Amino acid sequence: MSNEYLVEVNHLKQYFPVRNGFKTLSLKAVDDVSFNIKHGETLGLVGESGCGKTTVGRTLLRLYKPTSGSVKFEGQEVTDKNIHALRKEMQMVFQDPYSSLNPRMTVEDIIGEPLDVHKLYSNRAERREKILSLMETVGLNAEHAMRYAHEFSGGQRQRIGIARALAVDPKFIVCDEPVSALDVSIQAQVVNMFEDLQRQHGMAYLFIAHDLLVVQHISDRIAVMYLGHIVETAKSDELMNNPIHPYTQSLLSAVPIPDPNTARKSKRIILEGDVPSPLNMPSGCPFRTRCRYAAEQCAKAMPELKDRGDGHQVACWNR
């Protein structure tokens, strides 16, 4: 059993069958993805919409059954047989706080549901005490307990979702764009709360997001995803200061810079062409159709992630 990593993902593939006339095609949402997450570490996962980030998170928790590949948690392979027991250790905070909470349940019942499923209390008084403690942890008042989700703002709803995930005291949480549906002022509060909770409980996060500045702030390492493949991973500051893959360079060039003098000097890298369809992927490297460095080799084979020193891995033939 490897104790160094809490979560180990090896060659994960998630293909969805899609009907196209009389044919059934494979939509390659996640195509051969591997990464590890250590105890108490945050791995940021970034990439544009439709690149497969959310599918990775959901497949890790077996909300989708993987097409192939393996996910290990504390050295134990996650399977259909043991996932119920592992749900106590692995939780998810969903992107949309409006649709991920049951409108017919009170806040107390939403947060208490994981406690009910895993039988984590001996009597009703202990259950209520745990729920009120969780609400206090995420900054909600005790008088909110008997209200329904629609009575809250987006930020408060996301806090309810986070309290529900924390109820079972997990070691690992998949945060699926947990702040993208919130106002900017609320985003900072929720991100800071995630950091505080990590310090107190020592849990690990897979933090999925669009916003590179949010990801840099919260993550120890960042993985960049394009069309179902991870194209670059590195420590968070290293990736922001020294992007090597042309797609990462383009992503970072689009990040707003608060200093106007620096912003004038920085050059925006505009990508040519459109993102290819996951139903009809280009051969070799999926990014080659939009890459300014593309060569013959790029069409022949998908490059593997190669270490460029200090854990900075890049999947590119020409960089």
Protein backbone atom coordinates (compact mmCIF):
# COMPACT_ATOMS: atom_id res chain seq x y z
CA MET A 1 0.00 0.00 0.00
CA SER A 2 1.42 3.39 -1.00
CA ASN A 3 1.08 5.85 1.85
CA GLU A 4 2.48 8.85 0.01
CA TYR A 5 -0.68 9.50 -2.02
CA LEU A 6 -4.26 9.73 -0.85
CA VAL A 7 -5.73 9.53 -4.37
CA GLU A 8 -4.06 7.84 -7.33
CA VAL A 9 -5.61 8.04 -10.80
CA ASN A 10 -4.11 5.85 -13.52
CA HIS A 11 -5.01 5.96 -17.24
CA LEU A 12 -8.60 6.98 -16.51
CA LYS A 13 -10.93 6.98 -19.52
CA GLN A 14 -14.56 8.02 -19.61
CA TYR A 15 -16.32 7.57 -22.96
CA PHE A 16 -20.05 8.22 -23.41
CA PRO A 17 -22.02 6.52 -26.20
CA VAL A 18 -23.79 9.10 -28.39
CA ARG A 19 -26.35 8.24 -31.08
CA ASN A 20 -25.68 9.89 -34.42
CA GLY A 21 -28.32 8.74 -36.90
CA PHE A 22 -27.97 4.96 -37.08
CA LYS A 23 -24.44 4.99 -35.68
CA THR A 24 -23.30 5.08 -32.05
CA LEU A 25 -20.17 7.15 -31.56
CA SER A 26 -17.93 7.42 -28.49
CA LEU A 27 -17.68 10.87 -26.95
CA LYS A 28 -14.22 10.87 -25.36
CA ALA A 29 -14.85 13.11 -22.35
CA VAL A 30 -11.77 11.90 -20.45
CA ASP A 31 -9.03 10.15 -22.40
CA ASP A 32 -6.12 8.56 -20.53
CA VAL A 33 -5.74 10.87 -17.54
CA SER A 34 -3.30 10.11 -14.69
CA PHE A 35 -2.48 12.14 -11.57
CA ASN A 36 -1.93 11.80 -7.80
CA ILE A 37 -3.05 13.86 -4.81
CA LYS A 38 -1.22 13.74 -1.48
CA HIS A 39 -2.79 13.91 1.98
CA GLY A 40 -3.87 17.48 2.75
CA GLU A 41 -2.91 18.74 -0.72
CA THR A 42 -4.99 20.79 -3.17
CA LEU A 43 -4.70 19.95 -6.88
CA GLY A 44 -6.27 22.60 -9.12
CA LEU A 45 -7.78 21.35 -12.40
CA VAL A 46 -8.27 24.02 -15.06
CA GLY A 47 -9.31 24.17 -18.69
CA GLU A 48 -12.04 25.64 -20.88
CA SER A 49 -15.68 24.49 -20.78
CA GLY A 50 -16.23 21.01 -22.15
CA CYS A 51 -12.65 19.79 -21.63
CA GLY A 52 -13.73 17.05 -19.19
CA LYS A 53 -12.88 18.59 -15.79
CA THR A 54 -16.23 17.87 -14.15
CA THR A 55 -16.33 14.37 -15.68
CA VAL A 56 -12.95 13.62 -14.03
CA GLY A 57 -14.31 14.69 -10.64
CA ARG A 58 -17.52 12.70 -10.98
CA THR A 59 -15.73 9.62 -12.25
CA LEU A 60 -13.33 9.70 -9.27
CA LEU A 61 -16.33 9.42 -6.94
CA ARG A 62 -17.93 6.82 -9.21
CA LEU A 63 -20.95 8.96 -10.01
CA TYR A 64 -19.98 7.77 -13.50
CA LYS A 65 -18.57 4.28 -13.97
CA PRO A 66 -15.18 4.67 -15.72
CA THR A 67 -14.74 3.16 -19.19
CA SER A 68 -11.25 2.00 -18.19
CA GLY A 69 -8.37 2.87 -15.87
CA SER A 70 -8.25 2.83 -12.10
CA VAL A 71 -8.83 5.15 -9.14
CA LYS A 72 -7.18 4.25 -5.85
CA PHE A 73 -7.98 5.80 -2.48
CA GLU A 74 -5.39 5.19 0.25
CA GLY A 75 -3.99 2.36 -1.88
CA GLN A 76 -7.38 0.64 -2.24
CA GLU A 77 -8.99 0.49 -5.67
CA VAL A 78 -12.39 2.21 -5.83
CA THR A 79 -15.02 -0.24 -7.16
CA ASP A 80 -18.81 -0.57 -7.22
CA LYS A 81 -18.56 -2.93 -4.25
CA ASN A 82 -16.68 -0.64 -1.86
CA ILE A 83 -17.86 2.79 -3.02
CA HIS A 84 -20.63 3.02 -0.41
CA ALA A 85 -18.11 2.64 2.42
CA LEU A 86 -15.68 5.05 0.71
CA ARG A 87 -18.37 7.73 0.26
CA LYS A 88 -17.69 8.57 3.90
CA GLU A 89 -14.10 9.47 2.97
CA MET A 90 -14.74 11.10 -0.43
CA GLN A 91 -17.30 13.86 -0.93
CA MET A 92 -18.24 16.43 -3.56
CA VAL A 93 -19.29 20.08 -3.56
CA PHE A 94 -21.28 20.71 -6.73
CA GLN A 95 -21.03 23.68 -9.07
CA ASP A 96 -24.61 24.90 -8.99
CA PRO A 97 -25.92 25.63 -5.48
CA TYR A 98 -29.38 26.16 -7.00
CA SER A 99 -29.85 22.67 -8.43
CA SER A 100 -27.74 20.52 -6.07
CA LEU A 101 -29.95 21.03 -3.00
CA ASN A 102 -33.34 19.33 -2.62
CA PRO A 103 -36.03 22.09 -2.55
CA ARG A 104 -38.37 19.91 -0.43
CA MET A 105 -35.87 19.42 2.40
CA THR A 106 -35.02 21.83 5.19
CA VAL A 107 -31.41 22.84 5.70
CA GLU A 108 -31.27 20.58 8.76
CA ASP A 109 -32.35 17.56 6.70
CA ILE A 110 -30.02 18.39 3.78
CA ILE A 111 -26.98 18.54 6.07
CA GLY A 112 -28.24 15.60 8.16
CA GLU A 113 -28.78 13.27 5.20
CA PRO A 114 -25.15 11.96 5.10
CA LEU A 115 -25.35 11.43 8.88
CA ASP A 116 -28.52 9.36 8.34
CA VAL A 117 -27.03 7.30 5.49
CA HIS A 118 -23.84 6.42 7.41
CA LYS A 119 -25.57 6.22 10.84
CA LEU A 120 -23.19 8.66 12.50
CA TYR A 121 -25.26 9.50 15.57
CA SER A 122 -26.85 7.57 18.42
CA ASN A 123 -29.92 9.76 19.07
CA ARG A 124 -31.84 12.74 17.66
CA ALA A 125 -30.21 15.19 20.07
CA GLU A 126 -26.71 14.19 18.92
CA ARG A 127 -27.82 14.48 15.27
CA ARG A 128 -29.12 18.01 15.80
CA GLU A 129 -26.01 18.99 17.75
CA LYS A 130 -23.76 17.81 14.88
CA ILE A 131 -25.87 19.67 12.28
CA LEU A 132 -25.80 22.95 14.23
CA SER A 133 -22.03 22.58 14.74
CA LEU A 134 -21.55 22.08 10.96
CA MET A 135 -23.71 25.11 10.22
CA GLU A 136 -21.61 27.21 12.58
CA THR A 137 -18.43 25.89 10.91
CA VAL A 138 -19.55 27.21 7.50
CA GLY A 139 -20.93 30.49 8.83
CA LEU A 140 -24.67 29.78 8.96
CA ASN A 141 -26.89 30.66 11.94
CA ALA A 142 -28.78 28.05 13.97
CA GLU A 143 -32.11 29.73 13.14
CA HIS A 144 -31.52 28.89 9.46
CA ALA A 145 -31.91 25.15 10.21
CA MET A 146 -35.67 24.91 9.56
CA ARG A 147 -35.64 27.00 6.38
CA TYR A 148 -35.64 25.71 2.81
CA ALA A 149 -32.86 26.16 0.22
CA HIS A 150 -34.83 28.66 -1.92
CA GLU A 151 -34.85 31.13 0.99
CA PHE A 152 -31.07 31.60 0.78
CA SER A 153 -28.66 33.52 -1.44
CA GLY A 154 -26.21 31.71 -3.74
CA GLY A 155 -23.33 32.05 -1.29
CA GLN A 156 -25.41 30.71 1.59
CA ARG A 157 -26.61 27.77 -0.52
CA GLN A 158 -23.04 26.88 -1.40
CA ARG A 159 -22.23 26.93 2.33
CA ILE A 160 -25.10 24.48 2.90
CA GLY A 161 -23.57 22.21 0.22
CA ILE A 162 -20.15 22.46 1.87
CA ALA A 163 -21.64 21.65 5.30
CA ARG A 164 -23.32 18.58 3.76
CA ALA A 165 -19.96 17.43 2.34
CA LEU A 166 -18.24 17.99 5.71
CA ALA A 167 -20.89 16.06 7.68
CA VAL A 168 -19.08 12.72 7.29
CA ASP A 169 -15.65 14.23 8.08
CA PRO A 170 -14.13 13.23 4.70
CA LYS A 171 -10.42 13.05 3.85
CA PHE A 172 -10.98 14.15 0.25
CA ILE A 173 -13.41 16.59 -1.39
CA VAL A 174 -13.96 17.18 -5.10
CA CYS A 175 -14.83 20.88 -5.44
CA ASP A 176 -16.53 21.21 -8.83
CA GLU A 177 -16.34 24.92 -9.71
CA PRO A 178 -17.71 25.74 -6.24
CA VAL A 179 -17.46 29.53 -6.71
CA SER A 180 -18.26 30.05 -10.42
CA ALA A 181 -22.00 30.65 -9.79
CA LEU A 182 -21.32 33.20 -7.01
CA ASP A 183 -20.73 36.96 -6.92
CA VAL A 184 -17.07 37.98 -6.85
CA SER A 185 -17.27 39.31 -3.28
CA ILE A 186 -18.81 36.02 -2.10
CA GLN A 187 -16.25 33.97 -4.08
CA ALA A 188 -13.42 35.26 -1.89
CA GLN A 189 -15.32 34.34 1.31
CA VAL A 190 -16.02 30.79 0.10
CA VAL A 191 -12.43 30.23 -1.12
CA ASN A 192 -11.08 31.47 2.23
CA MET A 193 -13.48 29.13 4.01
CA PHE A 194 -12.17 26.17 1.97
CA GLU A 195 -8.63 27.10 3.05
CA ASP A 196 -9.61 27.44 6.73
CA LEU A 197 -11.39 24.07 6.66
CA GLN A 198 -8.33 22.44 5.10
CA ARG A 199 -6.09 23.82 7.85
CA GLN A 200 -8.46 22.61 10.57
CA HIS A 201 -9.28 19.15 9.18
CA GLY A 202 -6.28 18.36 6.93
CA MET A 203 -8.42 17.20 4.02
CA ALA A 204 -7.29 17.08 0.38
CA TYR A 205 -9.10 18.84 -2.49
CA LEU A 206 -9.44 18.40 -6.21
CA PHE A 207 -10.38 22.00 -7.00
CA ILE A 208 -11.97 22.32 -10.46
CA ALA A 209 -12.33 25.87 -11.81
CA HIS A 210 -12.15 28.21 -14.78
CA ASP A 211 -10.57 31.11 -12.95
CA LEU A 212 -6.81 30.68 -12.94
CA LEU A 213 -6.24 33.32 -10.26
CA VAL A 214 -8.61 31.55 -7.85
CA VAL A 215 -6.90 28.23 -8.63
CA GLN A 216 -3.43 29.70 -8.10
CA HIS A 217 -4.52 31.14 -4.76
CA ILE A 218 -5.89 27.88 -3.33
CA SER A 219 -3.84 25.13 -5.07
CA ASP A 220 -0.50 23.55 -4.25
CA ARG A 221 -0.27 22.14 -7.78
CA ILE A 222 -2.22 22.82 -10.99
CA ALA A 223 -3.12 20.43 -13.83
CA VAL A 224 -4.21 21.93 -17.17
CA MET A 225 -6.72 19.96 -19.22
CA TYR A 226 -7.56 20.19 -22.91
CA LEU A 227 -10.12 17.97 -24.68
CA GLY A 228 -9.97 15.09 -22.22
CA HIS A 229 -6.16 15.11 -21.80
CA ILE A 230 -3.91 16.64 -19.14
CA VAL A 231 -1.33 18.68 -21.07
CA GLU A 232 0.69 20.23 -18.21
CA THR A 233 1.06 19.92 -14.43
CA ALA A 234 3.31 21.87 -12.08
CA LYS A 235 3.45 23.59 -8.72
CA SER A 236 1.02 26.45 -8.76
CA ASP A 237 3.47 29.40 -8.85
CA GLU A 238 5.81 27.58 -11.24
CA LEU A 239 2.96 27.03 -13.72
CA MET A 240 1.81 30.65 -13.54
CA ASN A 241 5.34 32.06 -13.93
CA ASN A 242 6.75 29.54 -16.40
CA PRO A 243 4.04 27.95 -18.60
CA ILE A 244 5.58 25.65 -21.22
CA HIS A 245 2.68 24.09 -23.14
CA PRO A 246 1.29 26.43 -25.83
CA TYR A 247 -2.27 25.91 -24.57
CA THR A 248 -1.28 26.88 -21.00
CA GLN A 249 0.52 29.96 -22.37
CA SER A 250 -2.64 30.99 -24.22
CA LEU A 251 -4.83 30.42 -21.13
CA LEU A 252 -2.54 32.51 -18.94
CA SER A 253 -2.30 35.31 -21.50
CA ALA A 254 -6.08 35.79 -21.11
CA VAL A 255 -5.89 36.31 -17.32
CA PRO A 256 -6.56 40.00 -16.48
CA ILE A 257 -3.52 41.78 -14.97
CA PRO A 258 -4.37 44.44 -12.33
CA ASP A 259 -1.28 46.57 -13.10
CA PRO A 260 -1.98 48.66 -16.26
CA ASN A 261 1.72 49.07 -17.16
CA THR A 262 2.36 45.32 -17.06
CA ALA A 263 -0.94 44.69 -18.86
CA ARG A 264 0.12 46.94 -21.79
CA LYS A 265 3.40 45.05 -22.21
CA SER A 266 1.87 41.59 -22.00
CA LYS A 267 0.73 40.06 -25.27
CA ARG A 268 -2.54 38.16 -25.59
CA ILE A 269 -2.07 34.82 -27.40
CA ILE A 270 -5.18 34.30 -29.53
CA LEU A 271 -5.77 30.68 -30.55
CA GLU A 272 -6.72 30.04 -34.17
CA GLY A 273 -9.68 27.87 -35.14
CA ASP A 274 -12.33 26.20 -32.99
CA VAL A 275 -12.11 23.47 -30.36
CA PRO A 276 -12.48 20.10 -32.17
CA SER A 277 -15.50 17.97 -31.33
CA PRO A 278 -14.86 15.18 -28.77
CA LEU A 279 -16.87 12.96 -31.15
CA ASN A 280 -14.36 13.53 -33.94
CA MET A 281 -10.96 14.07 -32.35
CA PRO A 282 -7.88 14.89 -34.44
CA SER A 283 -5.20 12.20 -34.57
CA GLY A 284 -2.18 12.52 -32.29
CA CYS A 285 -2.17 15.62 -30.07
CA PRO A 286 -5.70 17.07 -29.72
CA PHE A 287 -4.30 20.61 -29.56
CA ARG A 288 -2.34 20.43 -32.83
CA THR A 289 -5.16 21.94 -34.96
CA ARG A 290 -4.83 25.22 -33.02
CA CYS A 291 -1.11 25.14 -32.16
CA ARG A 292 1.48 27.48 -33.64
CA TYR A 293 4.24 24.89 -33.07
CA ALA A 294 2.42 21.95 -34.72
CA ALA A 295 4.61 19.62 -36.83
CA GLU A 296 4.21 16.26 -38.57
CA GLN A 297 5.07 14.34 -35.40
CA CYS A 298 2.08 15.95 -33.62
CA ALA A 299 -0.41 14.26 -35.96
CA LYS A 300 1.12 10.80 -35.44
CA ALA A 301 1.00 10.31 -31.67
CA MET A 302 -0.21 11.94 -28.46
CA PRO A 303 2.87 13.06 -26.50
CA GLU A 304 3.23 11.71 -22.96
CA LEU A 305 3.70 13.91 -19.92
CA LYS A 306 7.47 14.36 -19.53
CA ASP A 307 9.10 15.79 -16.43
CA ARG A 308 10.99 19.03 -17.13
CA GLY A 309 12.40 19.22 -13.60
CA ASP A 310 10.93 19.76 -10.13
CA GLY A 311 7.71 17.91 -11.02
CA HIS A 312 6.85 20.25 -13.92
CA GLN A 313 5.34 17.85 -16.50
CA VAL A 314 4.43 18.79 -20.07
CA ALA A 315 2.85 16.79 -22.89
CA CYS A 316 4.29 18.42 -26.03
CA TRP A 317 6.63 17.27 -28.79
CA ASN A 318 8.04 20.70 -29.64
CA ARG A 319 8.36 22.64 -26.39
